[in-house]
Amino acid sequence: MIDGFKAAAGPDWAPTEIFVDAELPQSMDSLLSNETVVKKGGGAVGVTFPTEMLAFSMTGFDDAENRAGPAPRLDSSAIARIDAVLDASNKNLLPTLDSVSDLFGISPRSLQRRLDAEGSTFFQVVDGWRCNRALKAVSDPSLRICEIAEKLRYSETAHFTRAFKRWTGIPPKSFRERRSSQL
């Protein structure tokens, strides 16, 4: 995860705080800057990332897409910022409304209000993020449908197929066949 932040923010990036149980492992020395605060005796290991990190485009499903345009800025829409979080999130789990609101430093209800003001819900943002990436990925014949489902963090390929059919009206294999016959 730290490598993802370094890739997005640049090689000079460093976390603002590091929490360690006893001593800082030598492997983390490369993360430190003059401004990094190391707190010992917290009972757990953790890293605090500055909120402005959410403004950077992160590596994720499609690295080329992330470099294609400007990174979402802190004053950009909540939807753009959530998309950036989804791109940067763990490859196995999707962030929840609660975890995203914690990252933004606001309450879940405040995040819901911001999304409502933009005409969306958290579910719609996540669903749209998955749909956009699915449409691009299904067009790539080198990717198997089960691989796409996994990258989009579906627990079962069948769940992905149902969602894809809801988005397009046809299953992903049929979509792929139609796309290849049109080319």
C-alpha atoms as a PDB file:
ATOM      1  CA  MET A   1       0.000   0.000   0.000  1.00  0.00           C
ATOM      2  CA  ILE A   2       2.821   2.388   0.864  1.00  0.00           C
ATOM      3  CA  ASP A   3       4.345   1.730  -2.567  1.00  0.00           C
ATOM      4  CA  GLY A   4       1.024   2.805  -4.098  1.00  0.00           C
ATOM      5  CA  PHE A   5       1.163   6.115  -2.230  1.00  0.00           C
ATOM      6  CA  LYS A   6       4.779   6.642  -3.290  1.00  0.00           C
ATOM      7  CA  ALA A   7       3.814   5.892  -6.897  1.00  0.00           C
ATOM      8  CA  ALA A   8       0.994   8.430  -6.755  1.00  0.00           C
ATOM      9  CA  ALA A   9       2.719  11.146  -4.733  1.00  0.00           C
ATOM     10  CA  GLY A  10       6.252  10.739  -5.995  1.00  0.00           C
ATOM     11  CA  PRO A  11       9.443   9.318  -4.535  1.00  0.00           C
ATOM     12  CA  ASP A  12       9.825  12.194  -2.046  1.00  0.00           C
ATOM     13  CA  TRP A  13       6.546  11.447  -0.279  1.00  0.00           C
ATOM     14  CA  ALA A  14       6.680  10.376   3.389  1.00  0.00           C
ATOM     15  CA  PRO A  15       3.923   9.618   5.932  1.00  0.00           C
ATOM     16  CA  THR A  16       3.154  12.243   8.585  1.00  0.00           C
ATOM     17  CA  GLU A  17       3.108   9.754  11.490  1.00  0.00           C
ATOM     18  CA  ILE A  18       4.196   6.167  12.095  1.00  0.00           C
ATOM     19  CA  PHE A  19       2.970   4.210  15.114  1.00  0.00           C
ATOM     20  CA  VAL A  20       5.086   1.293  16.318  1.00  0.00           C
ATOM     21  CA  ASP A  21       4.838  -1.071  19.249  1.00  0.00           C
ATOM     22  CA  ALA A  22       8.462  -0.780  20.381  1.00  0.00           C
ATOM     23  CA  GLU A  23      11.207   0.058  17.878  1.00  0.00           C
ATOM     24  CA  LEU A  24      10.839   1.128  14.279  1.00  0.00           C
ATOM     25  CA  PRO A  25      11.770  -1.755  11.945  1.00  0.00           C
ATOM     26  CA  GLN A  26      14.781  -0.925   9.767  1.00  0.00           C
ATOM     27  CA  SER A  27      12.709  -1.734   6.691  1.00  0.00           C
ATOM     28  CA  MET A  28      10.624   1.385   7.423  1.00  0.00           C
ATOM     29  CA  ASP A  29      13.612   3.751   7.651  1.00  0.00           C
ATOM     30  CA  SER A  30      13.245   4.608   3.978  1.00  0.00           C
ATOM     31  CA  LEU A  31       9.773   6.037   4.677  1.00  0.00           C
ATOM     32  CA  LEU A  32      10.948   8.678   7.116  1.00  0.00           C
ATOM     33  CA  SER A  33      11.395  12.347   6.412  1.00  0.00           C
ATOM     34  CA  ASN A  34      12.338  15.219   8.738  1.00  0.00           C
ATOM     35  CA  GLU A  35       8.606  15.870   9.297  1.00  0.00           C
ATOM     36  CA  THR A  36       7.636  12.245  10.053  1.00  0.00           C
ATOM     37  CA  VAL A  37       6.655  11.722  13.692  1.00  0.00           C
ATOM     38  CA  VAL A  38       7.371   8.250  15.097  1.00  0.00           C
ATOM     39  CA  LYS A  39       5.212   7.328  18.101  1.00  0.00           C
ATOM     40  CA  LYS A  40       6.272   4.335  20.172  1.00  0.00           C
ATOM     41  CA  GLY A  41       4.342   2.128  22.592  1.00  0.00           C
ATOM     42  CA  GLY A  42       0.978   2.351  20.889  1.00  0.00           C
ATOM     43  CA  GLY A  43       0.406  -1.401  20.985  1.00  0.00           C
ATOM     44  CA  ALA A  44       0.011  -1.585  17.226  1.00  0.00           C
ATOM     45  CA  VAL A  45       1.829  -0.668  14.041  1.00  0.00           C
ATOM     46  CA  GLY A  46       0.250   1.870  11.735  1.00  0.00           C
ATOM     47  CA  VAL A  47       0.921   4.737   9.373  1.00  0.00           C
ATOM     48  CA  THR A  48      -1.033   7.989   9.171  1.00  0.00           C
ATOM     49  CA  PHE A  49      -1.329   9.379   5.670  1.00  0.00           C
ATOM     50  CA  PRO A  50      -1.992  13.055   5.100  1.00  0.00           C
ATOM     51  CA  THR A  51      -5.530  13.800   3.918  1.00  0.00           C
ATOM     52  CA  GLU A  52      -4.187  15.474   0.797  1.00  0.00           C
ATOM     53  CA  MET A  53      -3.081  12.017  -0.391  1.00  0.00           C
ATOM     54  CA  LEU A  54      -6.696  11.495  -1.421  1.00  0.00           C
ATOM     55  CA  ALA A  55      -6.144  14.127  -4.086  1.00  0.00           C
ATOM     56  CA  PHE A  56      -3.666  11.984  -5.986  1.00  0.00           C
ATOM     57  CA  SER A  57      -4.526   9.436  -8.621  1.00  0.00           C
ATOM     58  CA  MET A  58      -3.683   5.977  -7.370  1.00  0.00           C
ATOM     59  CA  THR A  59      -2.536   2.830  -9.099  1.00  0.00           C
ATOM     60  CA  GLY A  60      -5.371   0.389  -9.437  1.00  0.00           C
ATOM     61  CA  PHE A  61      -7.336  -1.546 -11.977  1.00  0.00           C
ATOM     62  CA  ASP A  62      -6.117   0.374 -14.987  1.00  0.00           C
ATOM     63  CA  ASP A  63      -2.862   2.268 -14.497  1.00  0.00           C
ATOM     64  CA  ALA A  64      -3.033   3.880 -17.942  1.00  0.00           C
ATOM     65  CA  GLU A  65      -6.466   5.287 -17.122  1.00  0.00           C
ATOM     66  CA  ASN A  66      -5.120   6.804 -13.912  1.00  0.00           C
ATOM     67  CA  ARG A  67      -2.404   8.676 -15.810  1.00  0.00           C
ATOM     68  CA  ALA A  68      -4.721   9.781 -18.602  1.00  0.00           C
ATOM     69  CA  GLY A  69      -6.136  12.813 -16.812  1.00  0.00           C
ATOM     70  CA  PRO A  70      -5.544  15.026 -13.830  1.00  0.00           C
ATOM     71  CA  ALA A  71      -5.801  13.508 -10.375  1.00  0.00           C
ATOM     72  CA  PRO A  72      -8.906  14.349  -8.361  1.00  0.00           C
ATOM     73  CA  ARG A  73      -8.232  17.412  -6.248  1.00  0.00           C
ATOM     74  CA  LEU A  74      -9.332  17.909  -2.665  1.00  0.00           C
ATOM     75  CA  ASP A  75     -11.946  20.393  -3.817  1.00  0.00           C
ATOM     76  CA  SER A  76     -13.224  18.026  -6.540  1.00  0.00           C
ATOM     77  CA  SER A  77     -16.454  16.108  -6.264  1.00  0.00           C
ATOM     78  CA  ALA A  78     -16.970  13.476  -3.611  1.00  0.00           C
ATOM     79  CA  ILE A  79     -17.595  11.005  -6.429  1.00  0.00           C
ATOM     80  CA  ALA A  80     -14.158  11.673  -7.988  1.00  0.00           C
ATOM     81  CA  ARG A  81     -12.482  11.340  -4.611  1.00  0.00           C
ATOM     82  CA  ILE A  82     -14.287   8.063  -3.869  1.00  0.00           C
ATOM     83  CA  ASP A  83     -13.257   6.744  -7.302  1.00  0.00           C
ATOM     84  CA  ALA A  84      -9.626   7.513  -6.389  1.00  0.00           C
ATOM     85  CA  VAL A  85     -10.036   5.651  -3.094  1.00  0.00           C
ATOM     86  CA  LEU A  86     -11.569   2.669  -4.914  1.00  0.00           C
ATOM     87  CA  ASP A  87      -8.656   2.620  -7.366  1.00  0.00           C
ATOM     88  CA  ALA A  88      -6.177   2.606  -4.490  1.00  0.00           C
ATOM     89  CA  SER A  89      -8.006   0.211  -2.209  1.00  0.00           C
ATOM     90  CA  ASN A  90      -7.067  -3.340  -1.304  1.00  0.00           C
ATOM     91  CA  LYS A  91      -7.376  -5.690  -4.254  1.00  0.00           C
ATOM     92  CA  ASN A  92      -9.636  -8.043  -2.262  1.00  0.00           C
ATOM     93  CA  LEU A  93     -11.991  -5.701  -0.438  1.00  0.00           C
ATOM     94  CA  LEU A  94     -14.034  -2.672  -1.343  1.00  0.00           C
ATOM     95  CA  PRO A  95     -13.974   0.222   1.103  1.00  0.00           C
ATOM     96  CA  THR A  96     -17.186   0.815   3.022  1.00  0.00           C
ATOM     97  CA  LEU A  97     -19.025   4.101   3.477  1.00  0.00           C
ATOM     98  CA  ASP A  98     -17.662   4.241   7.027  1.00  0.00           C
ATOM     99  CA  SER A  99     -14.041   3.642   5.997  1.00  0.00           C
ATOM    100  CA  VAL A 100     -14.204   6.215   3.182  1.00  0.00           C
ATOM    101  CA  SER A 101     -15.796   8.823   5.433  1.00  0.00           C
ATOM    102  CA  ASP A 102     -13.000   8.180   7.974  1.00  0.00           C
ATOM    103  CA  LEU A 103     -10.417   8.770   5.217  1.00  0.00           C
ATOM    104  CA  PHE A 104     -12.130  12.042   4.310  1.00  0.00           C
ATOM    105  CA  GLY A 105     -12.307  13.085   7.969  1.00  0.00           C
ATOM    106  CA  ILE A 106     -16.092  13.470   7.964  1.00  0.00           C
ATOM    107  CA  SER A 107     -19.001  11.499   9.345  1.00  0.00           C
ATOM    108  CA  PRO A 108     -20.729   8.882   7.172  1.00  0.00           C
ATOM    109  CA  ARG A 109     -23.887  11.004   7.221  1.00  0.00           C
ATOM    110  CA  SER A 110     -21.951  14.061   5.966  1.00  0.00           C
ATOM    111  CA  LEU A 111     -20.528  11.984   3.124  1.00  0.00           C
ATOM    112  CA  GLN A 112     -24.031  10.772   2.285  1.00  0.00           C
ATOM    113  CA  ARG A 113     -25.238  14.389   2.206  1.00  0.00           C
ATOM    114  CA  ARG A 114     -22.392  15.400  -0.139  1.00  0.00           C
ATOM    115  CA  LEU A 115     -23.181  12.510  -2.449  1.00  0.00           C
ATOM    116  CA  ASP A 116     -26.884  13.378  -2.302  1.00  0.00           C
ATOM    117  CA  ALA A 117     -26.033  16.950  -3.311  1.00  0.00           C
ATOM    118  CA  GLU A 118     -24.184  15.487  -6.316  1.00  0.00           C
ATOM    119  CA  GLY A 119     -27.215  13.329  -7.152  1.00  0.00           C
ATOM    120  CA  SER A 120     -25.726  10.007  -6.114  1.00  0.00           C
ATOM    121  CA  THR A 121     -25.393   7.457  -3.325  1.00  0.00           C
ATOM    122  CA  PHE A 122     -22.369   5.510  -2.122  1.00  0.00           C
ATOM    123  CA  PHE A 123     -23.767   2.323  -3.696  1.00  0.00           C
ATOM    124  CA  GLN A 124     -24.230   4.117  -7.031  1.00  0.00           C
ATOM    125  CA  VAL A 125     -20.642   5.411  -6.966  1.00  0.00           C
ATOM    126  CA  VAL A 126     -19.219   1.946  -6.267  1.00  0.00           C
ATOM    127  CA  ASP A 127     -21.546   0.364  -8.816  1.00  0.00           C
ATOM    128  CA  GLY A 128     -20.581   2.956 -11.448  1.00  0.00           C
ATOM    129  CA  TRP A 129     -16.885   2.445 -10.708  1.00  0.00           C
ATOM    130  CA  ARG A 130     -17.298  -1.304 -11.201  1.00  0.00           C
ATOM    131  CA  CYS A 131     -19.395  -0.846 -14.349  1.00  0.00           C
ATOM    132  CA  ASN A 132     -16.889   1.503 -16.036  1.00  0.00           C
ATOM    133  CA  ARG A 133     -13.993  -0.828 -15.368  1.00  0.00           C
ATOM    134  CA  ALA A 134     -15.997  -3.915 -16.328  1.00  0.00           C
ATOM    135  CA  LEU A 135     -16.929  -2.500 -19.736  1.00  0.00           C
ATOM    136  CA  LYS A 136     -13.273  -1.808 -20.525  1.00  0.00           C
ATOM    137  CA  ALA A 137     -12.036  -5.113 -19.129  1.00  0.00           C
ATOM    138  CA  VAL A 138     -14.617  -7.290 -20.893  1.00  0.00           C
ATOM    139  CA  SER A 139     -13.494  -5.743 -24.178  1.00  0.00           C
ATOM    140  CA  ASP A 140     -10.022  -7.187 -23.547  1.00  0.00           C
ATOM    141  CA  PRO A 141     -10.098 -10.801 -24.815  1.00  0.00           C
ATOM    142  CA  SER A 142      -6.922 -11.681 -22.898  1.00  0.00           C
ATOM    143  CA  LEU A 143      -8.782 -11.371 -19.573  1.00  0.00           C
ATOM    144  CA  ARG A 144     -11.004 -14.206 -18.444  1.00  0.00           C
ATOM    145  CA  ILE A 145     -14.400 -13.287 -16.994  1.00  0.00           C
ATOM    146  CA  CYS A 146     -13.465 -14.778 -13.613  1.00  0.00           C
ATOM    147  CA  GLU A 147     -10.306 -12.604 -13.530  1.00  0.00           C
ATOM    148  CA  ILE A 148     -12.365  -9.499 -14.218  1.00  0.00           C
ATOM    149  CA  ALA A 149     -14.801 -10.437 -11.449  1.00  0.00           C
ATOM    150  CA  GLU A 150     -11.898 -10.872  -9.050  1.00  0.00           C
ATOM    151  CA  LYS A 151     -10.304  -7.536 -10.006  1.00  0.00           C
ATOM    152  CA  LEU A 152     -13.624  -5.809  -9.446  1.00  0.00           C
ATOM    153  CA  ARG A 153     -13.799  -7.500  -6.027  1.00  0.00           C
ATOM    154  CA  TYR A 154     -16.783  -9.753  -6.570  1.00  0.00           C
ATOM    155  CA  SER A 155     -16.778 -12.790  -4.310  1.00  0.00           C
ATOM    156  CA  GLU A 156     -18.265 -14.959  -7.075  1.00  0.00           C
ATOM    157  CA  THR A 157     -18.146 -14.764 -10.857  1.00  0.00           C
ATOM    158  CA  ALA A 158     -21.918 -15.298 -10.886  1.00  0.00           C
ATOM    159  CA  HIS A 159     -22.402 -12.085  -8.888  1.00  0.00           C
ATOM    160  CA  PHE A 160     -20.353 -10.188 -11.448  1.00  0.00           C
ATOM    161  CA  THR A 161     -22.311 -11.751 -14.326  1.00  0.00           C
ATOM    162  CA  ARG A 162     -25.627 -10.686 -12.739  1.00  0.00           C
ATOM    163  CA  ALA A 163     -24.365  -7.139 -12.199  1.00  0.00           C
ATOM    164  CA  PHE A 164     -23.015  -6.942 -15.762  1.00  0.00           C
ATOM    165  CA  LYS A 165     -26.357  -8.127 -17.106  1.00  0.00           C
ATOM    166  CA  ARG A 166     -28.085  -5.437 -15.021  1.00  0.00           C
ATOM    167  CA  TRP A 167     -25.770  -2.781 -16.521  1.00  0.00           C
ATOM    168  CA  THR A 168     -25.903  -3.871 -20.156  1.00  0.00           C
ATOM    169  CA  GLY A 169     -28.849  -6.242 -20.516  1.00  0.00           C
ATOM    170  CA  ILE A 170     -26.591  -9.114 -21.621  1.00  0.00           C
ATOM    171  CA  PRO A 171     -24.001 -11.370 -19.938  1.00  0.00           C
ATOM    172  CA  PRO A 172     -20.314 -10.442 -20.253  1.00  0.00           C
ATOM    173  CA  LYS A 173     -19.514 -13.313 -22.659  1.00  0.00           C
ATOM    174  CA  SER A 174     -22.260 -12.180 -25.050  1.00  0.00           C
ATOM    175  CA  PHE A 175     -21.065  -8.581 -24.746  1.00  0.00           C
ATOM    176  CA  ARG A 176     -17.520  -9.675 -25.592  1.00  0.00           C
ATOM    177  CA  GLU A 177     -18.718 -11.717 -28.600  1.00  0.00           C
ATOM    178  CA  ARG A 178     -20.726  -8.771 -29.948  1.00  0.00           C
ATOM    179  CA  ARG A 179     -17.772  -6.399 -29.487  1.00  0.00           C
ATOM    180  CA  SER A 180     -15.375  -8.731 -31.300  1.00  0.00           C
ATOM    181  CA  SER A 181     -17.823  -9.231 -34.194  1.00  0.00           C
ATOM    182  CA  GLN A 182     -18.172  -5.443 -34.578  1.00  0.00           C
ATOM    183  CA  LEU A 183     -14.406  -4.945 -34.907  1.00  0.00           C
END
